[in-house]
């Protein structure tokens, strides 16, 4: 199981690096074409917007997996090692999984289906909007997977390296 988790983490990490690099190149080209060439490229703004959506959603799921997301640790630290601390951990994971299921997977899936059914395309790139929005249910699935992994991890030995171990 640890190998699968590490594989997913590594794949997500590489994908995020590539998406951020593409975002930087897109914005840099927009600035250069606007100010140096006096002929702004119209596709760069739309591409940057779509890449930012993907980076934000996948980055949130990666941050959740590596436990680098914003969280209040005061209560969990006080209850660590107690039965109440364990209950709080499982309750928190259950609520995160519920949110990911209801809002991201179900709601995001309905949004993708609706935009696909309505055949909505981006005006400049001609990309189906359903492809852009497909990152919402994908991120939800990744967060649910992270909840399951964290629920079965021993508090002292995580199944995969966290971000501090990778630095």
Foldseek 3Di string as FASTA:
>chain_A
DLVVVQVVLVVLVVVLVVLVVLLVVLVVQQVCCCPVVVHGDPVSVVSNVLSVLLNVLSVVLSCLLLVVDDDDCPVLVVCPPHPVNLVVLLVVLVVLLVCLVPCQQVVLVVVLVVQVVVQDADDPPRHRVSVSSVSRNVSSVSSNVSSVQVNPADPVDRSYHHPVVVD
